[in-house]
Structures are given as C-alpha cells and as structure tokens.
Amino acid sequence: MGNAHGGFNLPGHPGGNDDKKDKKKEKKPLEAAPPSHVGRRKKPKGAMGASKLPNVTPVTKCRMRLLKLERVKDYLLLEEEYISNQEQHKPAEERNEEEVSRVDELRGSPLSVGTLEELIDEQHAIVSSSIGPEYYVNILSFVDKDLLEPGCSVLLHNKTSSIVGILSDEVDPLISVMKVEKAPLETYGDIGGLEKQIQEVKEAVEFPLTHPEFFEDIGIAPPKGVILYGPPGTGKTLLAKAVANETSATFLRVVGSELIQKYLGDGPKLVREMFKLAKENAPSIVFIDEIDAVGTKRYDATSGGEKEIQRTMLELLNQLDGFEARGDVKVILATNRIESLDPALIRPGRIDRKIQLPNPDTKTKRKIFQIHTSRMTMADDVDLEEFVMAKDELSGADIKAICTEAGMLALRERRMKITQDDLRQAKEKALYRKKGDIPEGLYL
C-alpha cells in the first residue's frame, strides 16, 4: 500500500504538486555583486604605478563638457586668426621697430669688433678679435650673408662671440646728399635748340652706358667725360638734368664750392669718397657744376686755403685719369669761364669733349619762347616775333624770366590772360636786372 500511494501526490498535501510550487516562485531582483576588496585600496608601487593613468568612468555630462571645450577651442582659433590679421595690417614702421628691438635683444650689449678671417659655411666662420686670438664662432640668422667677406669688420656678441652684425664702410653724409634718388623731370624736349650739343652729349655720355657694344665693334675707347661751357643761362645744368632723366644711371650732382672744406685733407677725401660711391653704384654719372671753383690754373700759392684748393684739384685729376679704371662712371663738368681752368684738367684723356653752349640765335629764341608759352594763356594781340627778332642778347634763362614775369604782372591786375604790354614790361625788367641798374619807376 505504501508503494501504491507513494507515487501520487494527494491534494492538500504540503509536500506534493511541484508544478504549482514552481509557478508560485517569484523572481528575485538583481543585486550588485559584493566588492572583491573591502577597505582602502593599496597604491601600486614602482614607476609603473606612478605613471599609470586613472580609470575614468564616463558620466552623463561628459558629452556636454566636450562640446563646451570644442566651442572654446573655436573661439581661441578665431582670436588667433584675428591677431595674425592685425599683425599683417600693422604699419610697416611699427613692425620694423619691433623687429629691430628683437634683433637688439639678440645682439646684446656691449658689442665687440672683430675681423672675419675665413668663412667656413653659412652658419660658421673664423674671426679674430682686437686682442689677437682667433675664434670659431656662429653666424646668427639675421646677418646678411652676402655682405660677409674675408677682411670685413664684424660685430661680435659680448659673451658667445657670435657674429651679430657687419660694420659697413663709413661714407661722408655729404656724399649721400649728392646722390639724386629721384630722376629730374626735365627732358631733351624741354631744351630749345642745341641739337648739335645734345647729340654730342648723347654720344659721349649716354651711348657708352646704354650701348657699349657700339664702341667695341668699331674698336675705340668711349669718352671719359665732357665739359659744358658758355655764358650763364645757356642751359648747361638743364642739359645735365636731361641726361639724368634719359638714362637709368645713378646721378651724382655736386657744386665745385662744396669740394672746398674747412680742415686740411677733407677736400681730397670728399673727392675720393664721391668717386668711390659712383663706382659702387655704377653705371653712374658725376656732374660737377661750377668747376672753376676748384679747377683754376695753378700758381705759387701763399695762403693755406689756396694750397688746400690745389690739393683738391690734384685729387680730382687723379680720379679722372689715374691708374685705376673708373669703369662705367662718366663725368660732366660745367663752367662759365673755361679760360681760367687748368690745362691739365681739360686735356684729352681726362675730358675728351668740350661742348660750347652759346647764347641762342633767332631760331633758338623762337623755340624757347614756344616752350615756355605753350601752357600760358595768351591774349590774341600777343606777337612773340617782336621779341624774337630783337637784337637784345637774351639767354634761355632770360626768356624764361620774361615769361614768368609777364604772368606775374597779369595776376597783379587780376587778369587771366597775358597781353603784349605785359611781355614788354617783363622784358624791360629782365634786361635792367641783368645789367644791375633797375629804375625806381619800373616798380611803381
């Protein structure tokens, strides 16, 4: 009986009916696993432990933080771009001042002077100081490598003896003033007449600089220089300005009286530096106006000033025809008194052409009047032939003064046209002023 009842679960029996018990079972909630270690975590020992990065568990705000940081980065990039644009638009003077200040900081102070003995490469050289020993030094990046050559004077850093600059040869300030940076506005078209003289100046000065092959093909040496002589106001300086305008050569203009210096030896030194500057800037033209100030005939001088003038002329003779070749350096002299010049100064070999500029004839007067009156407002009754055919000895400067004075007389009476009477009064003023005897009634 026991076996018969053992295989059945009676209803209501606490130990029977397993299916009902499974259904009645409830799912337990998930619980966090118990920590594997309780208490303070031990720090890893050794170098690996010190350099190990901590484990960061992402939280919900990490994405927002990343977006904020990216926005800040964009703002910084915009600020950097704005600052760079402002630096580019900064005036050149301010940028140059900043660069100069930075270079001065790199150079340091004080500086010592040395001599470049040998150039090893673009970054290293051997220099000798004033004390005596030689050094193998560095060349800083802002130093112009093209100017470095053995024997030149260089600036050395106080501590490292690195090359921080180059000492250029001293040039007299007067020489720099002589150099005409801007070409004159006068051209050959502004010269009335003088066709023959213009052609001679072109052949002697301009062609050797622009077309030297012409002289090589024909087998002759080009002229070294010319002298322009004639009465005052005939266009000697104007012709020299036209030459400077037509050619791209460096133009050095000096008056003869500027070569006369106060102290002994300054005059010859000025002449040497002038021709040295002309050689460095070749092709060049040296124009010496009023050469009779230093080029007069030599005689037994008694005063020190006269002896100094003669020394200056001797240095000028040496520069015009010395042992050293002048290269592409042409000389133009101008004077009103060629008869007073020393024969050694104007002999062939130094000055190969003597070009005379006389007072204008009738044809030349007409051209000069046309040039100066082309932009003037003239009345219908103006007849320039009256002044052209006159027998007065008018120079080109006198004709220009007549035209200018006629315009001033018209402006005095508030007129915008120049009449024949204005030209007549202007001519009288110019002639009386030329003679040095001006009547009082002429200005009343």
Protein backbone atom coordinates (compact mmCIF):
# COMPACT_ATOMS: atom_id res chain seq x y z
CA MET A 1 0.00 0.00 0.00
CA GLY A 2 2.79 2.19 0.77
CA ASN A 3 4.19 1.71 -2.71
CA ALA A 4 0.84 2.30 -4.29
CA HIS A 5 0.34 5.58 -2.52
CA GLY A 6 3.96 6.63 -2.78
CA GLY A 7 3.75 7.59 -6.47
CA PHE A 8 0.83 10.01 -6.10
CA ASN A 9 0.65 13.46 -4.55
CA LEU A 10 -2.54 13.88 -2.75
CA PRO A 11 -4.28 17.18 -2.98
CA GLY A 12 -3.74 19.36 0.03
CA HIS A 13 -0.60 17.59 0.93
CA PRO A 14 2.12 20.05 1.76
CA GLY A 15 4.85 18.22 0.05
CA GLY A 16 3.05 17.40 -3.20
CA ASN A 17 2.40 19.02 -6.61
CA ASP A 18 5.84 20.50 -7.65
CA ASP A 19 4.37 22.33 -10.68
CA LYS A 20 2.30 24.54 -8.50
CA LYS A 21 5.30 25.33 -6.37
CA ASP A 22 7.31 26.43 -9.45
CA LYS A 23 4.58 28.76 -10.54
CA LYS A 24 4.38 30.26 -7.13
CA LYS A 25 8.07 31.05 -7.15
CA GLU A 26 8.83 34.81 -7.57
CA LYS A 27 11.88 36.27 -9.39
CA LYS A 28 14.34 37.93 -7.07
CA PRO A 29 15.66 41.48 -8.03
CA LEU A 30 19.24 41.74 -9.37
CA GLU A 31 21.73 42.83 -6.77
CA ALA A 32 25.19 44.27 -7.20
CA ALA A 33 27.98 41.84 -6.78
CA PRO A 34 29.76 42.12 -3.49
CA PRO A 35 33.04 44.01 -3.69
CA SER A 36 36.07 41.88 -4.14
CA HIS A 37 38.07 44.08 -1.78
CA VAL A 38 36.88 45.86 1.31
CA GLY A 39 38.75 48.82 2.77
CA ARG A 40 41.36 51.30 1.34
CA ARG A 41 42.81 50.27 -1.98
CA LYS A 42 46.51 49.83 -1.95
CA LYS A 43 48.56 52.09 -4.22
CA PRO A 44 50.70 50.26 -6.73
CA LYS A 45 54.38 50.55 -6.07
CA GLY A 46 57.14 51.35 -8.52
CA ALA A 47 57.48 53.56 -11.61
CA MET A 48 54.73 51.81 -13.50
CA GLY A 49 52.28 52.56 -10.79
CA ALA A 50 53.19 56.25 -10.65
CA SER A 51 52.77 56.74 -14.42
CA LYS A 52 49.60 54.70 -14.74
CA LEU A 53 46.57 56.75 -15.72
CA PRO A 54 43.48 56.56 -13.54
CA ASN A 55 40.37 54.82 -14.82
CA VAL A 56 37.68 57.38 -15.53
CA THR A 57 34.11 56.19 -15.67
CA PRO A 58 32.03 58.25 -18.16
CA VAL A 59 29.10 60.12 -16.75
CA THR A 60 26.15 61.76 -18.47
CA LYS A 61 27.78 65.25 -18.55
CA CYS A 62 30.93 64.21 -20.48
CA ARG A 63 29.33 64.93 -23.86
CA MET A 64 28.29 68.43 -22.79
CA ARG A 65 31.77 69.12 -21.44
CA LEU A 66 33.31 68.01 -24.74
CA LEU A 67 31.03 70.34 -26.71
CA LYS A 68 31.91 73.27 -24.44
CA LEU A 69 35.63 72.61 -24.84
CA GLU A 70 35.28 72.41 -28.62
CA ARG A 71 33.45 75.75 -28.60
CA VAL A 72 36.23 77.32 -26.52
CA LYS A 73 38.76 75.91 -28.98
CA ASP A 74 36.88 77.54 -31.88
CA TYR A 75 36.90 80.88 -30.06
CA LEU A 76 40.65 80.60 -29.49
CA LEU A 77 41.24 79.79 -33.17
CA LEU A 78 39.19 82.85 -34.19
CA GLU A 79 41.18 85.00 -31.77
CA GLU A 80 44.47 83.67 -33.15
CA GLU A 81 43.37 84.39 -36.73
CA TYR A 82 42.26 87.91 -35.78
CA ILE A 83 45.58 88.66 -34.08
CA SER A 84 47.54 87.39 -37.09
CA ASN A 85 45.46 89.56 -39.42
CA GLN A 86 46.04 92.59 -37.21
CA GLU A 87 49.79 91.91 -37.30
CA GLN A 88 49.72 91.84 -41.09
CA HIS A 89 47.82 95.13 -41.32
CA LYS A 90 50.07 96.84 -38.79
CA PRO A 91 52.08 99.72 -40.32
CA ALA A 92 55.49 98.79 -41.62
CA GLU A 93 57.21 101.27 -39.30
CA GLU A 94 55.81 99.59 -36.16
CA ARG A 95 56.73 96.14 -37.43
CA ASN A 96 60.23 97.32 -38.27
CA GLU A 97 60.60 98.83 -34.80
CA GLU A 98 59.55 95.54 -33.21
CA GLU A 99 61.94 93.57 -35.39
CA VAL A 100 64.78 95.96 -34.63
CA SER A 101 64.10 95.68 -30.91
CA ARG A 102 64.15 91.88 -31.13
CA VAL A 103 67.41 91.94 -33.07
CA ASP A 104 68.91 94.30 -30.48
CA GLU A 105 67.89 91.92 -27.72
CA LEU A 106 69.59 89.04 -29.54
CA ARG A 107 72.71 91.09 -30.17
CA GLY A 108 73.11 92.11 -26.59
CA SER A 109 75.19 94.95 -25.23
CA PRO A 110 78.02 95.85 -25.25
CA LEU A 111 79.38 94.57 -28.58
CA SER A 112 82.95 93.91 -29.60
CA VAL A 113 84.50 94.39 -33.02
CA GLY A 114 86.39 91.68 -34.86
CA THR A 115 87.73 90.84 -38.30
CA LEU A 116 86.39 87.99 -40.43
CA GLU A 117 89.34 85.73 -41.29
CA GLU A 118 87.63 82.83 -43.05
CA LEU A 119 84.05 81.88 -43.92
CA ILE A 120 83.52 78.17 -43.20
CA ASP A 121 79.86 77.88 -44.26
CA GLU A 122 76.66 79.88 -43.98
CA GLN A 123 76.48 79.37 -40.22
CA HIS A 124 80.10 79.29 -39.04
CA ALA A 125 83.20 81.42 -39.53
CA ILE A 126 86.62 82.14 -38.06
CA VAL A 127 87.11 85.64 -36.65
CA SER A 128 89.94 87.41 -34.89
CA SER A 129 89.40 89.91 -32.12
CA SER A 130 91.36 93.04 -31.36
CA ILE A 131 93.22 91.17 -28.62
CA GLY A 132 94.72 88.65 -31.03
CA PRO A 133 93.31 85.10 -30.77
CA GLU A 134 91.06 83.59 -33.42
CA TYR A 135 87.68 82.02 -32.68
CA TYR A 136 85.41 79.54 -34.43
CA VAL A 137 82.03 81.23 -34.00
CA ASN A 138 78.43 81.01 -35.15
CA ILE A 139 76.71 83.41 -37.55
CA LEU A 140 73.23 84.45 -36.44
CA SER A 141 70.39 84.04 -38.91
CA PHE A 142 69.55 87.75 -39.27
CA VAL A 143 73.06 88.63 -40.52
CA ASP A 144 73.23 89.34 -44.27
CA LYS A 145 75.48 86.58 -45.62
CA ASP A 146 76.04 88.38 -48.93
CA LEU A 147 77.99 91.14 -47.18
CA LEU A 148 80.33 88.74 -45.41
CA GLU A 149 83.74 88.51 -47.00
CA PRO A 150 87.24 87.90 -45.60
CA GLY A 151 88.72 91.05 -44.13
CA CYS A 152 85.47 92.85 -43.32
CA SER A 153 84.74 94.17 -39.84
CA VAL A 154 82.00 92.37 -37.90
CA LEU A 155 80.17 92.88 -34.61
CA LEU A 156 80.63 90.10 -32.06
CA HIS A 157 78.41 89.12 -29.15
CA ASN A 158 79.82 90.03 -25.76
CA LYS A 159 79.71 86.51 -24.27
CA THR A 160 79.42 83.97 -27.09
CA SER A 161 81.50 85.92 -29.67
CA SER A 162 78.88 85.08 -32.33
CA ILE A 163 78.64 87.33 -35.38
CA VAL A 164 75.63 89.60 -34.86
CA GLY A 165 76.25 92.34 -37.44
CA ILE A 166 78.50 93.84 -40.10
CA LEU A 167 80.26 97.19 -39.94
CA SER A 168 79.89 98.87 -43.33
CA ASP A 169 82.44 101.33 -44.62
CA GLU A 170 81.81 104.88 -43.46
CA VAL A 171 80.53 107.26 -46.11
CA ASP A 172 80.54 111.02 -45.66
CA PRO A 173 76.99 112.39 -45.25
CA LEU A 174 77.69 114.98 -47.95
CA ILE A 175 78.27 112.16 -50.45
CA SER A 176 74.88 110.63 -49.69
CA VAL A 177 73.23 114.01 -50.26
CA MET A 178 74.89 114.29 -53.68
CA LYS A 179 73.15 111.15 -54.90
CA VAL A 180 69.95 112.03 -56.76
CA GLU A 181 67.40 109.39 -55.75
CA LYS A 182 64.60 110.78 -57.92
CA ALA A 183 65.23 111.48 -61.59
CA PRO A 184 64.75 115.11 -62.70
CA LEU A 185 61.64 115.96 -64.70
CA GLU A 186 63.48 117.82 -67.47
CA THR A 187 63.92 116.05 -70.82
CA TYR A 188 65.61 116.84 -74.10
CA GLY A 189 62.27 118.18 -75.32
CA ASP A 190 62.44 120.97 -72.73
CA ILE A 191 65.61 122.33 -74.34
CA GLY A 192 65.04 124.80 -77.15
CA GLY A 193 67.55 124.30 -79.95
CA LEU A 194 71.04 122.98 -79.12
CA GLU A 195 70.51 119.96 -81.37
CA LYS A 196 74.22 119.64 -82.08
CA GLN A 197 75.16 119.91 -78.40
CA ILE A 198 72.53 117.35 -77.39
CA GLN A 199 73.86 114.92 -79.98
CA GLU A 200 77.43 115.33 -78.72
CA VAL A 201 76.38 114.74 -75.10
CA LYS A 202 74.46 111.62 -76.11
CA GLU A 203 77.47 110.23 -77.98
CA ALA A 204 79.92 110.95 -75.15
CA VAL A 205 77.86 110.14 -72.04
CA GLU A 206 74.65 108.28 -72.80
CA PHE A 207 75.69 105.84 -75.55
CA PRO A 208 78.71 104.37 -73.66
CA LEU A 209 76.34 103.46 -70.82
CA THR A 210 73.41 102.18 -72.86
CA HIS A 211 75.19 100.70 -75.91
CA PRO A 212 78.83 99.87 -75.07
CA GLU A 213 78.92 97.28 -77.84
CA PHE A 214 78.97 100.06 -80.45
CA PHE A 215 82.41 101.19 -79.30
CA GLU A 216 83.70 97.62 -79.01
CA ASP A 217 82.66 96.79 -82.56
CA ILE A 218 84.34 99.84 -84.02
CA GLY A 219 87.42 99.37 -81.84
CA ILE A 220 87.65 102.68 -79.94
CA ALA A 221 87.53 103.60 -76.29
CA PRO A 222 84.45 105.60 -75.24
CA PRO A 223 84.96 109.18 -74.00
CA LYS A 224 85.54 109.52 -70.26
CA GLY A 225 83.86 112.86 -69.78
CA VAL A 226 82.72 116.16 -71.25
CA ILE A 227 82.79 119.78 -70.19
CA LEU A 228 79.94 122.21 -70.92
CA TYR A 229 80.97 125.85 -71.11
CA GLY A 230 79.31 129.06 -72.16
CA PRO A 231 77.69 132.23 -70.82
CA PRO A 232 75.36 131.99 -67.81
CA GLY A 233 71.81 130.85 -68.51
CA THR A 234 72.50 128.96 -71.74
CA GLY A 235 71.28 125.57 -70.44
CA LYS A 236 74.34 123.75 -69.10
CA THR A 237 72.66 122.49 -65.94
CA LEU A 238 69.42 121.86 -67.82
CA LEU A 239 71.26 119.64 -70.30
CA ALA A 240 72.82 117.65 -67.44
CA LYS A 241 69.37 117.16 -65.86
CA ALA A 242 68.02 115.91 -69.18
CA VAL A 243 70.86 113.37 -69.36
CA ALA A 244 69.98 112.15 -65.85
CA ASN A 245 66.34 111.78 -66.87
CA GLU A 246 67.03 109.87 -70.09
CA THR A 247 69.44 107.35 -68.59
CA SER A 248 68.80 104.96 -65.70
CA ALA A 249 72.29 105.53 -64.29
CA THR A 250 72.93 106.89 -60.81
CA PHE A 251 73.32 110.68 -60.93
CA LEU A 252 75.69 112.44 -58.52
CA ARG A 253 75.45 116.23 -58.57
CA VAL A 254 77.92 118.46 -56.73
CA VAL A 255 78.85 122.12 -56.92
CA GLY A 256 82.55 122.95 -57.08
CA SER A 257 82.38 125.08 -53.95
CA GLU A 258 81.20 122.06 -51.91
CA LEU A 259 84.57 120.41 -52.52
CA ILE A 260 86.30 123.22 -50.59
CA GLN A 261 86.37 122.12 -46.96
CA LYS A 262 87.48 123.81 -43.79
CA TYR A 263 90.03 121.35 -42.46
CA LEU A 264 93.19 120.12 -44.11
CA GLY A 265 92.67 116.97 -46.18
CA ASP A 266 88.85 116.98 -46.10
CA GLY A 267 88.55 118.22 -49.70
CA PRO A 268 90.61 115.42 -51.31
CA LYS A 269 88.88 112.88 -49.07
CA LEU A 270 85.49 114.12 -50.27
CA VAL A 271 86.57 113.70 -53.91
CA ARG A 272 87.77 110.14 -53.25
CA GLU A 273 84.57 109.14 -51.49
CA MET A 274 82.47 110.70 -54.24
CA PHE A 275 84.10 108.61 -56.97
CA LYS A 276 84.08 105.55 -54.71
CA LEU A 277 80.32 105.88 -54.31
CA ALA A 278 79.98 106.35 -58.08
CA LYS A 279 81.89 103.10 -58.71
CA GLU A 280 79.78 101.19 -56.21
CA ASN A 281 76.56 102.39 -57.89
CA ALA A 282 77.82 102.05 -61.48
CA PRO A 283 76.69 102.83 -64.11
CA SER A 284 76.71 106.38 -62.84
CA ILE A 285 77.19 109.99 -63.95
CA VAL A 286 79.11 112.56 -61.87
CA PHE A 287 78.06 116.15 -62.61
CA ILE A 288 80.32 118.86 -61.14
CA ASP A 289 78.84 122.32 -61.65
CA GLU A 290 80.96 125.48 -61.38
CA ILE A 291 84.18 123.50 -61.66
CA ASP A 292 86.18 126.74 -61.82
CA ALA A 293 85.81 126.96 -58.01
CA VAL A 294 88.49 124.25 -57.60
CA GLY A 295 89.93 123.82 -61.09
CA THR A 296 91.63 127.15 -61.72
CA LYS A 297 95.18 127.42 -63.00
CA ARG A 298 97.89 126.56 -60.52
CA TYR A 299 100.38 129.12 -59.32
CA ASP A 300 102.66 129.66 -56.33
CA ALA A 301 100.12 129.88 -53.52
CA THR A 302 101.00 131.70 -50.34
CA SER A 303 97.98 131.01 -48.11
CA GLY A 304 96.98 127.66 -46.70
CA GLY A 305 93.48 127.87 -48.18
CA GLU A 306 94.77 128.21 -51.73
CA LYS A 307 97.13 125.27 -51.22
CA GLU A 308 94.22 123.15 -49.98
CA ILE A 309 92.21 124.02 -53.10
CA GLN A 310 95.14 122.93 -55.25
CA ARG A 311 95.37 119.63 -53.34
CA THR A 312 91.67 119.06 -54.01
CA MET A 313 92.22 119.67 -57.72
CA LEU A 314 95.18 117.26 -57.77
CA GLU A 315 92.98 114.55 -56.26
CA LEU A 316 90.34 115.32 -58.89
CA LEU A 317 92.97 114.94 -61.63
CA ASN A 318 93.99 111.61 -60.16
CA GLN A 319 90.40 110.35 -60.11
CA LEU A 320 89.76 111.49 -63.68
CA ASP A 321 92.82 109.77 -65.12
CA GLY A 322 94.58 107.59 -62.56
CA PHE A 323 95.95 104.07 -62.67
CA GLU A 324 92.63 102.58 -61.54
CA ALA A 325 89.96 102.22 -64.20
CA ARG A 326 86.74 104.12 -63.48
CA GLY A 327 84.50 101.63 -65.26
CA ASP A 328 81.01 102.83 -66.14
CA VAL A 329 81.48 106.23 -64.48
CA LYS A 330 81.10 109.28 -66.72
CA VAL A 331 81.94 112.85 -65.73
CA ILE A 332 80.19 116.05 -66.82
CA LEU A 333 81.80 119.37 -65.89
CA ALA A 334 80.17 122.78 -66.29
CA THR A 335 81.70 126.26 -66.11
CA ASN A 336 81.23 129.82 -67.30
CA ARG A 337 84.97 130.52 -67.56
CA ILE A 338 86.78 127.75 -69.36
CA GLU A 339 89.77 130.00 -69.98
CA SER A 340 90.53 130.09 -66.24
CA LEU A 341 90.71 126.29 -65.86
CA ASP A 342 93.98 124.44 -65.50
CA PRO A 343 95.07 122.89 -68.84
CA ALA A 344 95.78 119.57 -67.12
CA LEU A 345 92.13 119.33 -66.06
CA ILE A 346 90.59 119.64 -69.53
CA ARG A 347 93.22 117.86 -71.61
CA PRO A 348 92.19 114.86 -73.79
CA GLY A 349 92.23 111.67 -71.76
CA ARG A 350 90.51 113.31 -68.83
CA ILE A 351 87.90 115.42 -70.61
CA ASP A 352 87.57 114.21 -74.19
CA ARG A 353 84.92 116.65 -75.41
CA LYS A 354 84.49 120.36 -74.91
CA ILE A 355 80.93 121.39 -75.77
CA GLN A 356 80.15 125.08 -76.09
CA LEU A 357 76.65 126.37 -75.37
CA PRO A 358 76.35 129.87 -76.90
CA ASN A 359 73.59 132.43 -76.50
CA PRO A 360 70.54 131.49 -78.56
CA ASP A 361 70.13 132.76 -82.09
CA THR A 362 66.83 133.81 -83.69
CA LYS A 363 65.71 130.25 -84.43
CA THR A 364 66.59 129.06 -80.95
CA LYS A 365 64.85 132.04 -79.32
CA ARG A 366 61.65 131.17 -81.15
CA LYS A 367 61.77 127.57 -79.89
CA ILE A 368 62.46 128.66 -76.32
CA PHE A 369 59.55 131.13 -76.37
CA GLN A 370 57.28 128.40 -77.73
CA ILE A 371 58.33 126.00 -74.96
CA HIS A 372 57.69 128.48 -72.12
CA THR A 373 54.45 129.96 -73.53
CA SER A 374 52.86 126.64 -74.54
CA ARG A 375 50.95 126.38 -71.24
CA MET A 376 50.32 130.09 -70.76
CA THR A 377 47.02 131.82 -71.55
CA MET A 378 47.94 134.45 -74.11
CA ALA A 379 45.77 137.27 -75.49
CA ASP A 380 45.02 137.47 -79.21
CA ASP A 381 47.23 140.53 -79.73
CA VAL A 382 50.43 138.85 -78.49
CA ASP A 383 53.17 138.77 -81.11
CA LEU A 384 56.26 136.87 -79.98
CA GLU A 385 58.17 137.74 -83.15
CA GLU A 386 58.74 141.21 -81.74
CA PHE A 387 60.92 139.72 -79.01
CA VAL A 388 62.44 137.01 -81.20
CA MET A 389 63.70 139.43 -83.84
CA ALA A 390 65.05 141.94 -81.31
CA LYS A 391 68.80 142.39 -81.17
CA ASP A 392 68.98 142.01 -77.41
CA GLU A 393 71.33 139.31 -76.14
CA LEU A 394 68.81 137.14 -74.33
CA SER A 395 69.79 133.79 -72.89
CA GLY A 396 67.44 130.89 -72.29
CA ALA A 397 67.17 131.82 -68.61
CA ASP A 398 66.29 135.42 -69.58
CA ILE A 399 63.47 134.23 -71.84
CA LYS A 400 62.06 132.05 -69.06
CA ALA A 401 62.26 135.00 -66.65
CA ILE A 402 60.40 137.23 -69.15
CA CYS A 403 57.54 134.73 -69.49
CA THR A 404 57.28 134.23 -65.72
CA GLU A 405 57.36 137.97 -65.00
CA ALA A 406 54.65 138.62 -67.62
CA GLY A 407 52.40 136.12 -65.87
CA MET A 408 53.03 137.81 -62.52
CA LEU A 409 52.10 141.21 -63.96
CA ALA A 410 48.82 139.79 -65.29
CA LEU A 411 48.00 138.30 -61.89
CA ARG A 412 48.74 141.62 -60.20
CA GLU A 413 45.92 143.21 -62.23
CA ARG A 414 43.61 140.20 -61.69
CA ARG A 415 43.71 139.20 -65.35
CA MET A 416 43.83 135.62 -66.60
CA LYS A 417 45.35 136.47 -69.99
CA ILE A 418 48.81 137.84 -70.75
CA THR A 419 48.98 140.80 -73.12
CA GLN A 420 51.74 142.25 -75.27
CA ASP A 421 52.31 145.06 -72.77
CA ASP A 422 52.94 142.52 -70.01
CA LEU A 423 55.68 140.93 -72.08
CA ARG A 424 57.24 144.31 -72.89
CA GLN A 425 57.36 145.36 -69.23
CA ALA A 426 58.72 141.95 -68.25
CA LYS A 427 61.46 142.26 -70.87
CA GLU A 428 62.48 145.68 -69.54
CA LYS A 429 62.66 144.29 -66.02
CA ALA A 430 64.74 141.31 -67.13
CA LEU A 431 67.18 143.44 -69.11
CA TYR A 432 67.60 146.06 -66.36
CA ARG A 433 68.02 143.33 -63.76
CA LYS A 434 70.64 141.70 -65.95
CA LYS A 435 72.60 144.95 -66.20
CA GLY A 436 72.20 145.59 -62.47
CA ASP A 437 70.56 149.01 -62.92
CA ILE A 438 66.81 148.97 -62.22
CA PRO A 439 65.00 152.34 -62.36
CA GLU A 440 62.72 153.14 -59.45
CA GLY A 441 59.73 153.98 -61.67
CA LEU A 442 59.64 150.46 -63.07
CA TYR A 443 58.05 149.09 -59.88
CA LEU A 444 55.61 151.98 -59.32
